[in-house]
Amino acid sequence: MSQQVETAIFAGGCFWCMVQPFDEQPGIISVRSGYTGGHVPNPTYEQVCSHTTGHTEAVKITFDPTIISYADLVEIYWHQTDPTDAMGQFQDRGDNYRPVIFVNSDEQRKIATASRQRLAESGKFSDPIVTQIEDAKPFYEAEEYHQDFYKKNPARFEAEEGLRNQFKKEHWEK
């Protein structure tokens, strides 16, 4: 029995905090932290943090679409982010933390755009939805110490999640 495989790429602030919500879903094959959207090949974490490469921290999700749909992944994505903040997420500020849905097909673009429109029309946020939808660009995996950070460094992960969790409770759990 062969498994169907697709990928999704989402940027929503620190990639450490974007792995767990997807990693725990049925149908997820892998979630890798990395960098995308920039102009420097194979950037390092230090280069990306220098704000000179054009990259944003992101996660690349490999999934089985017969178990979990791309539309489901987009919905999970929204619930991890502040879609009204174009210049970072929570304590993470700067272009390398901007919220972006990177699409790799016309179908993904259609799904993401419709989902963003529904969110904008929902009235959930008084500020405009500013999350960008862009074509996928080369994805460079981050250094190994960044992978599965929530499992390797649970105390630090919990500390990093503080503002995000507060926002999620205030805006997504109502």
Protein backbone atom coordinates (compact mmCIF):
# COMPACT_ATOMS: atom_id res chain seq x y z
CA MET A 1 0.00 0.00 0.00
CA SER A 2 1.63 3.25 -1.11
CA GLN A 3 1.25 6.43 0.85
CA GLN A 4 0.31 9.66 -0.92
CA VAL A 5 2.62 12.53 -0.01
CA GLU A 6 2.28 16.30 -0.32
CA THR A 7 4.06 19.20 1.32
CA ALA A 8 2.97 22.46 2.92
CA ILE A 9 5.21 25.34 4.01
CA PHE A 10 4.13 27.82 6.67
CA ALA A 11 5.94 30.71 8.34
CA GLY A 12 4.48 31.98 11.58
CA GLY A 13 7.21 33.37 13.77
CA CYS A 14 9.80 31.21 15.48
CA PHE A 15 9.91 27.83 13.80
CA TRP A 16 10.46 26.16 17.17
CA CYS A 17 6.86 26.99 18.05
CA MET A 18 5.36 25.94 14.73
CA VAL A 19 6.36 22.27 14.78
CA GLN A 20 4.35 20.71 17.61
CA PRO A 21 0.83 21.70 16.49
CA PHE A 22 1.37 19.94 13.16
CA ASP A 23 3.60 17.12 14.39
CA GLU A 24 0.81 15.80 16.61
CA GLN A 25 -1.80 15.44 13.83
CA PRO A 26 -2.70 12.14 12.17
CA GLY A 27 -1.40 11.95 8.61
CA ILE A 28 1.72 14.03 9.28
CA ILE A 29 4.83 12.27 8.03
CA SER A 30 7.37 14.92 9.08
CA VAL A 31 7.69 18.54 10.14
CA ARG A 32 11.07 20.16 9.47
CA SER A 33 12.21 23.60 10.56
CA GLY A 34 14.02 25.71 8.00
CA TYR A 35 14.38 28.89 6.02
CA THR A 36 12.67 30.00 2.83
CA GLY A 37 11.83 33.05 0.77
CA GLY A 38 15.29 34.57 0.62
CA HIS A 39 18.10 35.11 -1.85
CA VAL A 40 21.04 33.35 -0.15
CA PRO A 41 21.44 29.62 -0.83
CA ASN A 42 21.83 27.35 2.22
CA PRO A 43 21.68 30.10 4.84
CA THR A 44 22.70 29.51 8.43
CA TYR A 45 20.62 30.50 11.44
CA GLU A 46 23.04 33.34 12.16
CA GLN A 47 22.73 34.65 8.59
CA VAL A 48 18.93 34.57 8.72
CA CYS A 49 18.94 36.33 12.11
CA SER A 50 21.11 39.09 10.62
CA HIS A 51 18.10 40.13 8.49
CA THR A 52 20.27 40.22 5.35
CA THR A 53 19.21 37.04 3.53
CA GLY A 54 15.53 37.74 2.94
CA HIS A 55 14.57 34.39 4.47
CA THR A 56 11.85 33.72 6.98
CA GLU A 57 11.78 30.91 9.49
CA ALA A 58 9.27 28.31 8.37
CA VAL A 59 8.18 24.71 8.71
CA LYS A 60 7.90 22.24 5.86
CA ILE A 61 5.22 19.67 6.53
CA THR A 62 5.11 16.39 4.65
CA PHE A 63 1.67 14.85 4.93
CA ASP A 64 -0.66 12.21 3.56
CA PRO A 65 -3.62 14.07 1.99
CA THR A 66 -5.82 10.97 2.30
CA ILE A 67 -5.60 11.38 6.09
CA ILE A 68 -5.30 15.14 6.60
CA SER A 69 -6.13 17.76 4.00
CA TYR A 70 -4.21 20.87 3.05
CA ALA A 71 -7.29 22.87 4.08
CA ASP A 72 -7.07 21.31 7.56
CA LEU A 73 -3.40 22.29 7.76
CA VAL A 74 -4.21 25.89 6.82
CA GLU A 75 -6.79 26.01 9.61
CA ILE A 76 -4.26 24.66 12.12
CA TYR A 77 -1.81 27.29 10.85
CA TRP A 78 -4.20 30.20 11.51
CA HIS A 79 -4.63 29.05 15.10
CA GLN A 80 -0.88 29.29 15.74
CA THR A 81 -0.46 32.87 14.50
CA ASP A 82 -1.53 36.46 14.83
CA PRO A 83 -2.66 37.02 11.23
CA THR A 84 -2.83 40.79 11.81
CA ASP A 85 0.90 41.23 12.55
CA ALA A 86 2.99 41.58 9.39
CA MET A 87 6.33 42.20 11.08
CA GLY A 88 6.76 39.18 13.27
CA GLN A 89 4.89 37.00 15.67
CA PHE A 90 4.61 37.60 19.39
CA GLN A 91 8.08 38.20 20.91
CA ASP A 92 9.79 37.43 17.59
CA ARG A 93 10.14 40.64 15.60
CA GLY A 94 11.44 41.27 12.11
CA ASP A 95 10.94 40.16 8.55
CA ASN A 96 12.43 36.72 9.21
CA TYR A 97 9.44 36.05 11.49
CA ARG A 98 6.69 37.36 9.20
CA PRO A 99 3.58 35.21 8.67
CA VAL A 100 3.44 33.62 5.21
CA ILE A 101 1.68 30.68 3.64
CA PHE A 102 4.03 29.44 0.91
CA VAL A 103 2.01 27.58 -1.72
CA ASN A 104 3.37 25.04 -4.18
CA SER A 105 0.36 24.65 -6.46
CA ASP A 106 -2.65 26.50 -7.82
CA GLU A 107 -4.84 24.29 -5.65
CA GLN A 108 -2.96 25.25 -2.49
CA ARG A 109 -3.21 28.93 -3.46
CA LYS A 110 -6.96 28.59 -3.99
CA ILE A 111 -7.45 26.88 -0.62
CA ALA A 112 -5.23 29.33 1.29
CA THR A 113 -6.76 32.40 -0.36
CA ALA A 114 -10.32 31.24 0.35
CA SER A 115 -9.42 30.45 3.94
CA ARG A 116 -7.81 33.87 4.44
CA GLN A 117 -10.90 35.53 2.95
CA ARG A 118 -13.21 33.59 5.30
CA LEU A 119 -11.05 34.65 8.24
CA ALA A 120 -11.11 38.30 7.13
CA GLU A 121 -14.89 38.21 6.76
CA SER A 122 -15.45 36.42 10.07
CA GLY A 123 -14.98 39.56 12.16
CA LYS A 124 -12.73 37.62 14.53
CA PHE A 125 -10.10 40.36 14.25
CA SER A 126 -10.72 44.11 14.06
CA ASP A 127 -7.39 44.68 12.28
CA PRO A 128 -6.85 43.52 8.69
CA ILE A 129 -5.52 40.04 7.97
CA VAL A 130 -1.99 40.66 6.66
CA THR A 131 -0.62 37.12 6.33
CA GLN A 132 0.86 36.83 2.86
CA ILE A 133 0.32 33.97 0.43
CA GLU A 134 3.40 33.52 -1.75
CA ASP A 135 4.78 30.96 -4.16
CA ALA A 136 6.98 28.39 -2.48
CA LYS A 137 10.67 29.02 -2.87
CA PRO A 138 13.61 26.76 -2.07
CA PHE A 139 13.37 25.46 1.48
CA TYR A 140 16.60 24.99 3.39
CA GLU A 141 16.45 22.82 6.47
CA ALA A 142 17.70 24.46 9.63
CA GLU A 143 20.55 23.06 11.63
CA GLU A 144 19.80 19.82 13.46
CA TYR A 145 19.65 21.46 16.89
CA HIS A 146 16.57 23.39 15.67
CA GLN A 147 14.68 20.24 14.64
CA ASP A 148 12.04 18.94 17.08
CA PHE A 149 13.00 21.69 19.51
CA TYR A 150 9.88 21.15 21.62
CA LYS A 151 11.02 17.58 22.32
CA LYS A 152 14.70 18.36 22.88
CA ASN A 153 14.26 21.47 25.05
CA PRO A 154 10.81 21.34 26.67
CA ALA A 155 11.49 24.00 29.33
CA ARG A 156 12.85 26.52 26.83
CA PHE A 157 10.06 25.67 24.40
CA GLU A 158 7.47 26.34 27.11
CA ALA A 159 9.06 29.71 27.87
CA GLU A 160 9.10 30.65 24.17
CA GLU A 161 5.44 29.67 23.82
CA GLY A 162 4.18 31.99 26.56
CA LEU A 163 2.99 34.96 24.48
CA ARG A 164 1.75 32.73 21.67
CA ASN A 165 -0.31 30.63 24.09
CA GLN A 166 -1.79 33.74 25.69
CA PHE A 167 -2.80 35.06 22.25
CA LYS A 168 -4.27 31.69 21.27
CA LYS A 169 -6.41 31.61 24.41
CA GLU A 170 -7.63 35.17 23.88
CA HIS A 171 -8.35 34.95 20.16
CA TRP A 172 -8.72 31.35 19.06
CA GLU A 173 -10.28 29.56 22.02
CA LYS A 174 -13.30 31.85 22.32
